[in-house]
Amino acid sequence: MSASRRRLTAGVVTLTAALLASACSGGGDAPAADPNTLTIMSKLFGTAPDPKGEMHQAVEKFLGKKLQVTWVPNAEYTDKLNVTLASDNLPQVMVVDPKLPAFVKSAQAGAFWDLTDKIDKYPNLKPADERTALNSSINGKIYGLYRMRPLLRSAIVIRKDWLKKVGLDEPETVDDLYEIAKAFTEKDPDGNGKKDTFGLIIPKWPGNYASASPYDVIETWFGAPNGWGERDGKIVPGFDTPEFLEANRWLKKMVDGGMVNPDFATLDAAKWNEPFHQNKGGMIIDVNIRSRQVLDLFYEDDKETYGDKVAMVGNLKRSDGQKFSYPFTGYADVLAVSKQSVRTEADLDNVLKTLDKLASKEGQVLVTNGIEGRNFKVENGDTAALINEDDPAVKTVQDNVDDAFIQLSTKGTVDIGGIAYQRVPSGQPYKDMVALQKKLMAEDLKTAVHNVALPVVAPAAVAKGAQLDTIIPDARIKYLSGTFTEEQLKAEIKRWYDSGGTQVAAEINDLVGKLGQ
């Protein structure tokens, strides 16, 4: 176990004791909630907004309350969260991953409000999608307001000009993708006279199994469960199925044929777009908004021809024509309400009314898009166009939205819209890509393979996650790179069960069975 994992495990043990004491004592020595102030702890992806700044003041004016936000850089957020959860000074609202072991333990210990039977009373807090609300729950109990993300956004981004060069159409099946990858590797699609390209770009994946990696998406295309699925009346992990092995045999054939970037086990995910842009690789399997990121890169090169460089397709059919599309959780973090600083039902009602106002269309436009007429204007009734971008003060407002306040949005982002406005650049290729994005999402949602275990948290998975989580992804990489044989990969699957996975599987079957009761 790494030093960081040992620290996290030890921290969770210490944290649990502290939370149990805090929950039982009714919140320790924390002061009663100020009804005229909302305190929040949230992630930060840039520079923290000035509390006296234009954007912060606009949110306070809209809410009619003082706003105290502890902005924590994303890279430090989990550590800060663990420390804060174990303290006597929790804010009223915290942005948190609802499946984080420390949060699961704290919520189940009584440190956060169970909102399951409460949020329907607030029109803007009532879940827009019941499946997503269930996905973000802890064994069916809702401990936070989920931050909406598209339920289906997996796609393949392809070099459009390379397709034209090798004379192939956009792929519809996994066989088509294989042929395109082979052509991109062997037929000099960039025209430089050298054999120095490859078909598919895969980075070192920062997440574990069933974390929306390209591997997970491909395995789902082949018919493997997405994370967990039903087989013969039992819920099993997707990696313990024939389809999982078939998908990885197919991908290994591509790796062995030089059709995948040779540094797939080490390529920094932050540099994923570079081979695509720099004429090295021709396809990326990821979220659909990556198409707009690479359009940005080609736009900087040539504002006239950038639209000729990027194509996008949705999920692929397998060889027999059946289609299994890879969906996501539908959320990114939740807004949880602390019982330590929000002690009474009356205090909770006050906080939820404030969050309900923030979740209204006007509130979501403010924290998602910014200040209308100041940094954006509405076009066609449903999109936001930036204005006055050269004004430093206006740019500060925009940065405050993008880096910070959008974390308080529960109904969408500028990339996907939601009840606020989607931000779309003025060029026609961007507009076409956004329209295609919406079309593909709607179509692929019809064949989505949902992870049936998303709503539940197995105690054994919390306790033994550090030992279990890396077994399968590590073995998969070793198999694909040729370090492991298929028999060794199967042996690692058995080791997962022997190391605690058997108990995890039993608990997941039990918990999922109880969800409908």
Protein backbone atom coordinates (compact mmCIF):
# COMPACT_ATOMS: atom_id res chain seq x y z
CA MET A 1 0.00 0.00 0.00
CA SER A 2 1.35 3.47 -0.89
CA ALA A 3 2.11 6.01 1.82
CA SER A 4 -0.74 8.23 0.65
CA ARG A 5 -3.21 5.33 0.83
CA ARG A 6 -1.97 4.41 4.32
CA ARG A 7 -2.52 8.00 5.44
CA LEU A 8 -6.02 8.02 3.96
CA THR A 9 -6.94 4.70 5.59
CA ALA A 10 -5.62 5.83 8.97
CA GLY A 11 -7.41 9.15 8.54
CA VAL A 12 -10.72 7.42 7.84
CA VAL A 13 -10.41 5.34 11.03
CA THR A 14 -9.65 8.43 13.12
CA LEU A 15 -12.32 10.37 11.31
CA THR A 16 -15.01 7.80 12.02
CA ALA A 17 -14.46 8.01 15.77
CA ALA A 18 -14.53 11.81 15.64
CA LEU A 19 -17.72 11.82 13.59
CA LEU A 20 -19.50 9.39 15.84
CA ALA A 21 -18.66 11.58 18.82
CA SER A 22 -19.71 14.73 16.96
CA ALA A 23 -22.96 13.25 15.66
CA CYS A 24 -23.92 11.91 19.08
CA SER A 25 -23.15 15.18 20.84
CA GLY A 26 -25.30 17.21 18.47
CA GLY A 27 -22.44 19.07 16.83
CA GLY A 28 -19.87 19.75 19.53
CA ASP A 29 -19.20 23.38 20.30
CA ALA A 30 -20.10 24.75 16.87
CA PRO A 31 -22.12 27.97 17.02
CA ALA A 32 -25.73 28.02 15.91
CA ALA A 33 -26.33 28.81 12.24
CA ASP A 34 -26.66 32.47 11.28
CA PRO A 35 -29.91 32.59 9.26
CA ASN A 36 -28.58 35.52 7.23
CA THR A 37 -25.33 33.84 6.17
CA LEU A 38 -24.65 30.80 4.02
CA THR A 39 -21.30 29.08 4.61
CA ILE A 40 -19.90 26.75 1.95
CA MET A 41 -16.75 24.73 1.29
CA SER A 42 -16.09 24.14 -2.40
CA LYS A 43 -13.47 23.11 -4.90
CA LEU A 44 -11.44 25.71 -6.76
CA PHE A 45 -9.81 25.36 -10.18
CA GLY A 46 -8.11 28.74 -10.43
CA THR A 47 -7.83 31.89 -8.31
CA ALA A 48 -10.24 32.38 -5.41
CA PRO A 49 -12.81 35.14 -6.01
CA ASP A 50 -12.51 38.32 -3.98
CA PRO A 51 -15.42 38.47 -1.45
CA LYS A 52 -15.69 42.15 -2.37
CA GLY A 53 -15.54 41.36 -6.08
CA GLU A 54 -18.28 41.88 -8.62
CA MET A 55 -19.29 38.23 -8.98
CA HIS A 56 -19.35 37.43 -5.26
CA GLN A 57 -21.40 40.56 -4.58
CA ALA A 58 -23.84 39.65 -7.36
CA VAL A 59 -24.48 36.21 -5.83
CA GLU A 60 -24.99 37.74 -2.36
CA LYS A 61 -27.41 40.29 -3.77
CA PHE A 62 -29.37 37.58 -5.57
CA LEU A 63 -29.61 35.35 -2.49
CA GLY A 64 -30.26 38.22 -0.09
CA LYS A 65 -27.66 36.74 2.26
CA LYS A 66 -24.00 37.00 3.09
CA LEU A 67 -21.95 34.28 1.45
CA GLN A 68 -18.86 32.83 3.10
CA VAL A 69 -17.05 30.38 0.84
CA THR A 70 -13.93 28.42 1.71
CA TRP A 71 -12.38 27.86 -1.72
CA VAL A 72 -9.97 24.89 -1.72
CA PRO A 73 -7.73 24.05 -4.72
CA ASN A 74 -8.96 20.83 -6.32
CA ALA A 75 -5.65 19.01 -5.87
CA GLU A 76 -5.84 19.57 -2.10
CA TYR A 77 -9.58 19.08 -1.69
CA THR A 78 -9.74 15.49 -0.44
CA ASP A 79 -7.11 16.10 2.23
CA LYS A 80 -8.82 19.32 3.33
CA LEU A 81 -12.18 17.56 3.35
CA ASN A 82 -10.92 14.79 5.64
CA VAL A 83 -9.48 17.34 8.07
CA THR A 84 -12.66 19.45 8.02
CA LEU A 85 -14.95 16.46 8.55
CA ALA A 86 -13.03 15.54 11.69
CA SER A 87 -13.15 19.09 13.09
CA ASP A 88 -15.67 21.09 15.12
CA ASN A 89 -16.08 23.67 12.40
CA LEU A 90 -18.03 22.32 9.45
CA PRO A 91 -19.62 24.82 7.03
CA GLN A 92 -23.33 24.55 6.39
CA VAL A 93 -22.85 23.21 2.86
CA MET A 94 -20.00 21.12 1.45
CA VAL A 95 -19.28 20.10 -2.13
CA VAL A 96 -18.28 16.43 -1.87
CA ASP A 97 -18.04 13.14 -3.74
CA PRO A 98 -20.90 11.13 -2.18
CA LYS A 99 -18.98 7.86 -2.60
CA LEU A 100 -15.82 9.09 -0.88
CA PRO A 101 -15.24 6.64 2.03
CA ALA A 102 -14.79 9.45 4.57
CA PHE A 103 -18.06 11.06 3.52
CA VAL A 104 -19.92 7.74 3.46
CA LYS A 105 -18.79 7.03 7.03
CA SER A 106 -19.66 10.53 8.20
CA ALA A 107 -23.10 10.55 6.58
CA GLN A 108 -23.96 7.14 8.00
CA ALA A 109 -22.70 8.30 11.41
CA GLY A 110 -25.28 11.10 11.34
CA ALA A 111 -23.06 14.07 10.51
CA PHE A 112 -25.10 15.13 7.44
CA TRP A 113 -28.80 15.59 6.86
CA ASP A 114 -30.67 12.78 5.11
CA LEU A 115 -32.53 14.73 2.42
CA THR A 116 -34.38 11.78 0.87
CA ASP A 117 -37.85 12.77 2.08
CA LYS A 118 -37.23 16.51 2.25
CA ILE A 119 -36.12 17.88 -1.13
CA ASP A 120 -39.38 17.22 -2.97
CA LYS A 121 -40.88 20.11 -0.98
CA TYR A 122 -38.57 22.55 -2.76
CA PRO A 123 -39.50 22.93 -6.45
CA ASN A 124 -35.96 23.57 -7.74
CA LEU A 125 -34.31 20.89 -5.57
CA LYS A 126 -36.58 18.04 -6.63
CA PRO A 127 -34.36 15.68 -8.71
CA ALA A 128 -34.64 16.27 -12.44
CA ASP A 129 -33.72 12.64 -13.04
CA GLU A 130 -34.61 9.87 -10.58
CA ARG A 131 -31.91 7.50 -11.86
CA THR A 132 -29.20 10.10 -11.29
CA ALA A 133 -30.56 10.88 -7.83
CA LEU A 134 -30.39 7.17 -7.02
CA ASN A 135 -26.88 6.91 -8.51
CA SER A 136 -25.67 9.69 -6.21
CA SER A 137 -27.29 8.15 -3.12
CA ILE A 138 -25.77 6.00 -0.40
CA ASN A 139 -27.80 2.81 -0.43
CA GLY A 140 -30.87 4.70 -1.57
CA LYS A 141 -30.54 7.58 0.91
CA ILE A 142 -29.86 11.04 -0.51
CA TYR A 143 -27.30 12.99 1.51
CA GLY A 144 -26.64 15.72 -1.04
CA LEU A 145 -28.03 17.64 -4.01
CA TYR A 146 -26.36 16.19 -7.08
CA ARG A 147 -24.54 18.44 -9.54
CA MET A 148 -25.98 17.49 -12.93
CA ARG A 149 -23.84 16.10 -15.73
CA PRO A 150 -25.02 14.33 -18.91
CA LEU A 151 -25.96 10.72 -18.25
CA LEU A 152 -24.62 9.74 -21.67
CA ARG A 153 -21.60 11.54 -23.14
CA SER A 154 -19.17 8.85 -24.30
CA ALA A 155 -18.01 9.32 -27.89
CA ILE A 156 -15.10 8.92 -30.30
CA VAL A 157 -13.31 11.99 -31.62
CA ILE A 158 -11.64 11.30 -34.99
CA ARG A 159 -9.29 13.15 -37.34
CA LYS A 160 -11.74 13.96 -40.11
CA ASP A 161 -9.02 14.81 -42.61
CA TRP A 162 -7.27 11.49 -41.93
CA LEU A 163 -10.47 9.57 -42.65
CA LYS A 164 -10.69 11.32 -46.00
CA LYS A 165 -7.01 10.60 -46.73
CA VAL A 166 -7.34 6.82 -46.12
CA GLY A 167 -10.73 6.66 -47.85
CA LEU A 168 -12.80 5.29 -44.98
CA ASP A 169 -16.17 6.26 -43.54
CA GLU A 170 -16.90 7.05 -39.91
CA PRO A 171 -17.11 3.85 -37.81
CA GLU A 172 -20.35 2.17 -36.81
CA THR A 173 -18.93 -1.06 -35.34
CA VAL A 174 -15.86 -2.16 -33.39
CA ASP A 175 -14.67 -3.85 -36.59
CA ASP A 176 -14.85 -0.51 -38.39
CA LEU A 177 -12.81 1.13 -35.63
CA TYR A 178 -10.16 -1.58 -35.92
CA GLU A 179 -9.88 -1.04 -39.69
CA ILE A 180 -9.61 2.72 -39.25
CA ALA A 181 -6.94 2.33 -36.55
CA LYS A 182 -4.99 0.02 -38.86
CA ALA A 183 -5.26 2.44 -41.78
CA PHE A 184 -4.23 5.40 -39.61
CA THR A 185 -1.17 3.38 -38.56
CA GLU A 186 -0.11 2.02 -41.93
CA LYS A 187 -1.32 4.38 -44.67
CA ASP A 188 0.51 7.62 -43.84
CA PRO A 189 -2.63 9.69 -43.08
CA ASP A 190 -0.61 12.85 -42.34
CA GLY A 191 1.18 12.60 -45.70
CA ASN A 192 4.72 13.08 -44.44
CA GLY A 193 6.04 9.94 -46.10
CA LYS A 194 6.86 8.26 -42.79
CA LYS A 195 5.25 5.46 -40.81
CA ASP A 196 5.01 7.47 -37.59
CA THR A 197 1.30 7.56 -36.75
CA PHE A 198 -1.08 5.36 -34.77
CA GLY A 199 -4.83 4.92 -34.71
CA LEU A 200 -5.96 5.23 -31.10
CA ILE A 201 -4.65 7.48 -28.32
CA ILE A 202 -5.00 6.25 -24.71
CA PRO A 203 -3.47 8.02 -21.67
CA LYS A 204 -2.43 6.71 -18.28
CA TRP A 205 -5.82 6.58 -16.58
CA PRO A 206 -6.03 8.22 -13.13
CA GLY A 207 -9.13 6.31 -12.03
CA ASN A 208 -9.78 2.69 -11.11
CA TYR A 209 -11.94 0.08 -12.81
CA ALA A 210 -15.33 1.38 -14.00
CA SER A 211 -14.16 5.00 -13.96
CA ALA A 212 -15.13 5.92 -17.56
CA SER A 213 -11.72 5.04 -19.01
CA PRO A 214 -11.43 4.14 -22.72
CA TYR A 215 -10.99 0.54 -21.53
CA ASP A 216 -14.30 0.60 -19.67
CA VAL A 217 -16.10 2.05 -22.70
CA ILE A 218 -14.69 -0.58 -25.07
CA GLU A 219 -15.56 -3.41 -22.67
CA THR A 220 -19.14 -2.16 -22.52
CA TRP A 221 -19.31 -2.07 -26.34
CA PHE A 222 -18.43 -5.78 -26.32
CA GLY A 223 -21.30 -6.49 -23.92
CA ALA A 224 -19.55 -6.55 -20.54
CA PRO A 225 -21.47 -5.00 -17.62
CA ASN A 226 -20.69 -1.36 -16.93
CA GLY A 227 -19.03 -1.80 -13.54
CA TRP A 228 -21.58 -4.27 -12.15
CA GLY A 229 -24.38 -6.11 -13.93
CA GLU A 230 -26.67 -9.10 -13.67
CA ARG A 231 -25.57 -12.52 -14.86
CA ASP A 232 -27.61 -15.69 -14.14
CA GLY A 233 -29.61 -13.96 -11.40
CA LYS A 234 -26.57 -12.57 -9.58
CA ILE A 235 -24.86 -9.19 -9.72
CA VAL A 236 -21.24 -9.60 -10.79
CA PRO A 237 -18.35 -7.25 -11.55
CA GLY A 238 -17.96 -6.60 -15.26
CA PHE A 239 -14.39 -7.86 -15.26
CA ASP A 240 -15.57 -11.38 -14.33
CA THR A 241 -17.32 -11.97 -17.67
CA PRO A 242 -16.29 -13.47 -21.03
CA GLU A 243 -17.04 -10.15 -22.74
CA PHE A 244 -14.42 -8.38 -20.62
CA LEU A 245 -11.76 -10.81 -21.79
CA GLU A 246 -12.94 -10.63 -25.41
CA ALA A 247 -12.74 -6.84 -25.41
CA ASN A 248 -9.22 -6.84 -24.01
CA ARG A 249 -8.06 -9.50 -26.49
CA TRP A 250 -9.30 -7.19 -29.25
CA LEU A 251 -7.56 -4.17 -27.77
CA LYS A 252 -4.33 -6.12 -27.18
CA LYS A 253 -4.32 -7.05 -30.85
CA MET A 254 -4.39 -3.32 -31.61
CA VAL A 255 -1.58 -2.64 -29.12
CA ASP A 256 0.54 -5.46 -30.57
CA GLY A 257 -0.10 -4.10 -34.07
CA GLY A 258 1.21 -0.65 -33.18
CA MET A 259 -2.24 0.89 -33.55
CA VAL A 260 -2.21 2.40 -30.04
CA ASN A 261 0.31 4.97 -28.79
CA PRO A 262 3.22 2.99 -27.32
CA ASP A 263 3.22 5.11 -24.14
CA PHE A 264 -0.44 4.36 -23.31
CA ALA A 265 0.54 3.23 -19.80
CA THR A 266 2.39 6.46 -19.02
CA LEU A 267 1.02 9.28 -21.23
CA ASP A 268 -0.09 12.14 -18.96
CA ALA A 269 -3.88 12.49 -19.28
CA ALA A 270 -3.41 16.28 -19.31
CA LYS A 271 -1.57 15.85 -22.64
CA TRP A 272 -4.20 13.62 -24.22
CA ASN A 273 -5.03 16.10 -26.98
CA GLU A 274 -1.42 16.65 -28.08
CA PRO A 275 -0.89 13.56 -30.29
CA PHE A 276 -4.26 14.22 -31.96
CA HIS A 277 -3.35 17.83 -32.68
CA GLN A 278 0.28 17.11 -33.59
CA ASN A 279 -0.44 14.54 -36.34
CA LYS A 280 0.57 11.52 -34.26
CA GLY A 281 -2.73 9.80 -33.37
CA GLY A 282 -6.12 9.76 -35.01
CA MET A 283 -8.82 8.79 -32.48
CA ILE A 284 -9.74 9.48 -28.85
CA ILE A 285 -12.43 7.60 -26.90
CA ASP A 286 -13.66 10.00 -24.20
CA VAL A 287 -16.44 12.45 -23.33
CA ASN A 288 -17.99 14.27 -26.27
CA ILE A 289 -16.88 17.75 -25.17
CA ARG A 290 -13.30 16.77 -26.03
CA SER A 291 -14.32 17.39 -29.64
CA ARG A 292 -14.61 21.07 -28.83
CA GLN A 293 -11.26 21.11 -27.02
CA VAL A 294 -9.44 19.82 -30.10
CA LEU A 295 -11.44 22.17 -32.32
CA ASP A 296 -9.99 24.98 -30.20
CA LEU A 297 -6.45 23.77 -30.96
CA PHE A 298 -7.04 23.62 -34.71
CA TYR A 299 -8.85 26.97 -34.61
CA GLU A 300 -5.67 28.57 -33.25
CA ASP A 301 -3.76 27.07 -36.18
CA ASP A 302 -6.14 28.12 -38.93
CA LYS A 303 -9.45 29.85 -38.41
CA GLU A 304 -10.63 28.87 -41.89
CA THR A 305 -9.97 25.11 -42.03
CA TYR A 306 -10.30 23.98 -38.40
CA GLY A 307 -13.72 22.45 -39.07
CA ASP A 308 -12.14 20.02 -41.56
CA LYS A 309 -10.00 18.39 -38.87
CA VAL A 310 -12.46 16.93 -36.36
CA ALA A 311 -15.26 14.38 -36.65
CA MET A 312 -17.19 12.67 -33.86
CA VAL A 313 -19.29 9.52 -33.57
CA GLY A 314 -21.10 7.95 -30.67
CA ASN A 315 -20.91 4.50 -29.12
CA LEU A 316 -20.20 1.58 -31.46
CA LYS A 317 -22.04 -1.66 -32.22
CA ARG A 318 -20.23 -4.89 -31.64
CA SER A 319 -19.58 -7.34 -34.50
CA ASP A 320 -23.05 -8.95 -34.35
CA GLY A 321 -24.78 -5.58 -34.67
CA GLN A 322 -25.88 -5.30 -31.05
CA LYS A 323 -25.22 -1.95 -29.42
CA PHE A 324 -24.31 -1.36 -25.78
CA SER A 325 -23.61 2.31 -24.96
CA TYR A 326 -21.50 3.48 -22.04
CA PRO A 327 -23.34 5.89 -19.69
CA PHE A 328 -21.89 7.95 -16.87
CA THR A 329 -23.18 8.54 -13.36
CA GLY A 330 -25.15 11.65 -14.35
CA TYR A 331 -23.57 13.74 -11.59
CA ALA A 332 -20.29 15.24 -10.41
CA ASP A 333 -20.25 15.66 -6.62
CA VAL A 334 -23.16 16.71 -4.42
CA LEU A 335 -23.96 19.64 -2.11
CA ALA A 336 -24.34 18.13 1.37
CA VAL A 337 -25.73 19.92 4.44
CA SER A 338 -23.93 19.49 7.77
CA LYS A 339 -25.89 18.64 10.92
CA GLN A 340 -23.16 20.17 13.04
CA SER A 341 -23.71 23.71 11.76
CA VAL A 342 -27.35 23.28 10.64
CA ARG A 343 -28.81 21.82 13.83
CA THR A 344 -32.58 22.12 13.61
CA GLU A 345 -35.30 21.42 11.06
CA ALA A 346 -35.92 25.18 10.95
CA ASP A 347 -32.26 25.84 10.20
CA LEU A 348 -32.33 23.16 7.50
CA ASP A 349 -35.44 24.69 5.93
CA ASN A 350 -33.66 28.04 5.80
CA VAL A 351 -30.61 26.54 4.07
CA LEU A 352 -32.67 24.49 1.62
CA LYS A 353 -34.77 27.53 0.70
CA THR A 354 -31.53 29.37 -0.09
CA LEU A 355 -30.23 26.47 -2.18
CA ASP A 356 -33.62 26.24 -3.88
CA LYS A 357 -33.32 29.87 -4.92
CA LEU A 358 -29.79 29.23 -6.17
CA ALA A 359 -31.12 26.26 -8.19
CA SER A 360 -33.71 28.42 -9.97
CA LYS A 361 -33.09 29.40 -13.60
CA GLU A 362 -31.99 32.89 -12.59
CA GLY A 363 -29.63 31.51 -9.95
CA GLN A 364 -28.15 28.88 -12.25
CA VAL A 365 -27.60 31.42 -15.02
CA LEU A 366 -25.71 33.59 -12.54
CA VAL A 367 -23.34 30.90 -11.20
CA THR A 368 -23.01 29.10 -14.55
CA ASN A 369 -22.84 31.95 -17.07
CA GLY A 370 -22.10 35.06 -15.03
CA ILE A 371 -23.66 38.50 -15.16
CA GLU A 372 -25.90 39.02 -18.18
CA GLY A 373 -25.02 42.12 -20.16
CA ARG A 374 -21.72 42.37 -18.33
CA ASN A 375 -19.80 39.31 -19.47
CA PHE A 376 -22.31 37.44 -21.64
CA LYS A 377 -25.38 37.96 -23.81
CA VAL A 378 -28.09 35.47 -24.77
CA GLU A 379 -28.24 34.31 -28.38
CA ASN A 380 -31.13 32.38 -29.96
CA GLY A 381 -32.74 32.12 -26.55
CA ASP A 382 -30.61 29.17 -25.45
CA THR A 383 -26.90 29.94 -25.79
CA ALA A 384 -24.51 32.39 -24.14
CA ALA A 385 -21.97 34.44 -26.08
CA LEU A 386 -19.13 36.12 -24.20
CA ILE A 387 -18.84 39.89 -24.50
CA ASN A 388 -16.31 42.53 -23.44
CA GLU A 389 -13.62 39.84 -23.12
CA ASP A 390 -10.82 42.39 -23.46
CA ASP A 391 -11.96 44.31 -20.39
CA PRO A 392 -9.83 43.04 -17.42
CA ALA A 393 -12.68 43.57 -14.95
CA VAL A 394 -15.07 41.57 -17.12
CA LYS A 395 -12.48 38.84 -17.58
CA THR A 396 -12.22 38.59 -13.79
CA VAL A 397 -15.98 38.01 -13.61
CA GLN A 398 -15.69 35.30 -16.26
CA ASP A 399 -12.75 33.61 -14.52
CA ASN A 400 -14.63 33.66 -11.21
CA VAL A 401 -17.51 31.82 -12.89
CA ASP A 402 -15.36 29.25 -14.70
CA ASP A 403 -12.94 28.58 -11.83
CA ALA A 404 -15.18 28.82 -8.79
CA PHE A 405 -18.88 29.70 -8.79
CA ILE A 406 -19.83 27.06 -11.33
CA GLN A 407 -19.10 24.56 -8.53
CA LEU A 408 -22.34 25.79 -6.96
CA SER A 409 -24.32 24.89 -10.06
CA THR A 410 -26.58 21.87 -9.68
CA LYS A 411 -28.39 22.08 -13.02
CA GLY A 412 -25.62 22.01 -15.63
CA THR A 413 -22.44 23.66 -16.90
CA VAL A 414 -21.51 26.00 -19.72
CA ASP A 415 -20.42 22.99 -21.77
CA ILE A 416 -23.69 21.08 -21.51
CA GLY A 417 -26.20 23.81 -20.78
CA GLY A 418 -28.85 22.54 -18.40
CA ILE A 419 -31.35 25.14 -17.29
CA ALA A 420 -28.71 27.84 -17.75
CA TYR A 421 -27.23 28.74 -21.12
CA GLN A 422 -24.76 26.66 -23.07
CA ARG A 423 -21.70 28.59 -24.12
CA VAL A 424 -21.06 28.14 -27.82
CA PRO A 425 -18.33 29.90 -29.84
CA SER A 426 -19.56 31.75 -32.89
CA GLY A 427 -17.97 29.54 -35.57
CA GLN A 428 -20.25 27.19 -37.54
CA PRO A 429 -18.07 24.08 -36.89
CA TYR A 430 -18.62 24.60 -33.15
CA LYS A 431 -22.36 24.98 -33.61
CA ASP A 432 -22.46 21.86 -35.77
CA MET A 433 -20.49 19.91 -33.16
CA VAL A 434 -22.84 20.98 -30.34
CA ALA A 435 -25.85 19.90 -32.41
CA LEU A 436 -24.18 16.54 -33.15
CA GLN A 437 -23.32 16.13 -29.47
CA LYS A 438 -26.98 16.48 -28.48
CA LYS A 439 -28.12 14.11 -31.24
CA LEU A 440 -25.64 11.38 -30.29
CA MET A 441 -26.43 11.63 -26.57
CA ALA A 442 -30.16 11.21 -27.20
CA GLU A 443 -29.59 8.27 -29.55
CA ASP A 444 -27.08 6.39 -27.37
CA LEU A 445 -29.14 6.82 -24.22
CA LYS A 446 -31.58 4.30 -25.76
CA THR A 447 -28.94 1.55 -25.53
CA ALA A 448 -27.21 2.66 -22.31
CA VAL A 449 -25.91 -0.10 -20.02
CA HIS A 450 -26.32 1.26 -16.51
CA ASN A 451 -24.20 0.22 -13.55
CA VAL A 452 -26.75 -1.41 -11.24
CA ALA A 453 -24.45 -1.04 -8.21
CA LEU A 454 -23.93 2.73 -8.45
CA PRO A 455 -26.53 3.56 -5.77
CA VAL A 456 -24.99 1.28 -3.14
CA VAL A 457 -21.83 1.38 -1.05
CA ALA A 458 -20.63 -1.95 0.28
CA PRO A 459 -18.98 -1.70 3.72
CA ALA A 460 -16.28 -4.13 2.59
CA ALA A 461 -15.51 -1.89 -0.37
CA VAL A 462 -15.02 1.06 1.99
CA ALA A 463 -12.86 -0.99 4.36
CA LYS A 464 -10.81 -2.83 1.73
CA GLY A 465 -10.89 -0.43 -1.20
CA ALA A 466 -7.22 0.46 -0.89
CA GLN A 467 -6.27 -3.18 -1.38
CA LEU A 468 -8.87 -4.01 -4.02
CA ASP A 469 -9.23 -0.95 -6.24
CA THR A 470 -5.97 -1.22 -8.15
CA ILE A 471 -5.86 -5.00 -8.71
CA ILE A 472 -7.93 -5.10 -11.91
CA PRO A 473 -6.70 -1.90 -13.62
CA ASP A 474 -3.08 -2.81 -12.92
CA ALA A 475 -3.57 -6.35 -14.25
CA ARG A 476 -5.36 -5.03 -17.34
CA ILE A 477 -2.47 -2.70 -18.20
CA LYS A 478 0.06 -5.50 -17.69
CA TYR A 479 -1.96 -7.79 -19.95
CA LEU A 480 -2.30 -5.19 -22.69
CA SER A 481 1.40 -4.33 -22.55
CA GLY A 482 2.41 -8.00 -22.74
CA THR A 483 3.75 -8.33 -19.20
CA PHE A 484 0.88 -10.65 -18.21
CA THR A 485 -0.59 -13.60 -20.07
CA GLU A 486 -4.36 -14.03 -20.17
CA GLU A 487 -4.02 -16.74 -17.52
CA GLN A 488 -2.20 -14.29 -15.26
CA LEU A 489 -4.97 -11.74 -15.84
CA LYS A 490 -7.53 -14.37 -14.81
CA ALA A 491 -5.42 -15.16 -11.74
CA GLU A 492 -5.58 -11.50 -10.71
CA ILE A 493 -9.37 -11.57 -11.03
CA LYS A 494 -9.34 -14.54 -8.64
CA ARG A 495 -6.98 -12.62 -6.33
CA TRP A 496 -9.51 -9.75 -6.24
CA TYR A 497 -12.13 -12.16 -4.93
CA ASP A 498 -9.74 -13.78 -2.46
CA SER A 499 -8.58 -10.38 -1.13
CA GLY A 500 -12.09 -9.31 -0.09
CA GLY A 501 -13.97 -9.10 -3.38
CA THR A 502 -16.13 -12.09 -2.47
CA GLN A 503 -17.46 -10.14 0.51
CA VAL A 504 -17.89 -6.99 -1.59
CA ALA A 505 -19.91 -8.92 -4.17
CA ALA A 506 -22.11 -10.52 -1.50
CA GLU A 507 -22.81 -7.14 0.11
CA ILE A 508 -23.58 -5.48 -3.22
CA ASN A 509 -26.04 -8.24 -4.10
CA ASP A 510 -27.71 -7.79 -0.71
CA LEU A 511 -27.81 -3.98 -0.85
CA VAL A 512 -29.10 -3.80 -4.43
CA GLY A 513 -31.77 -6.34 -3.51
CA LYS A 514 -32.94 -4.06 -0.71
CA LEU A 515 -33.16 -0.90 -2.84
CA GLY A 516 -36.67 -1.61 -4.06
CA GLN A 517 -37.97 -2.59 -0.64
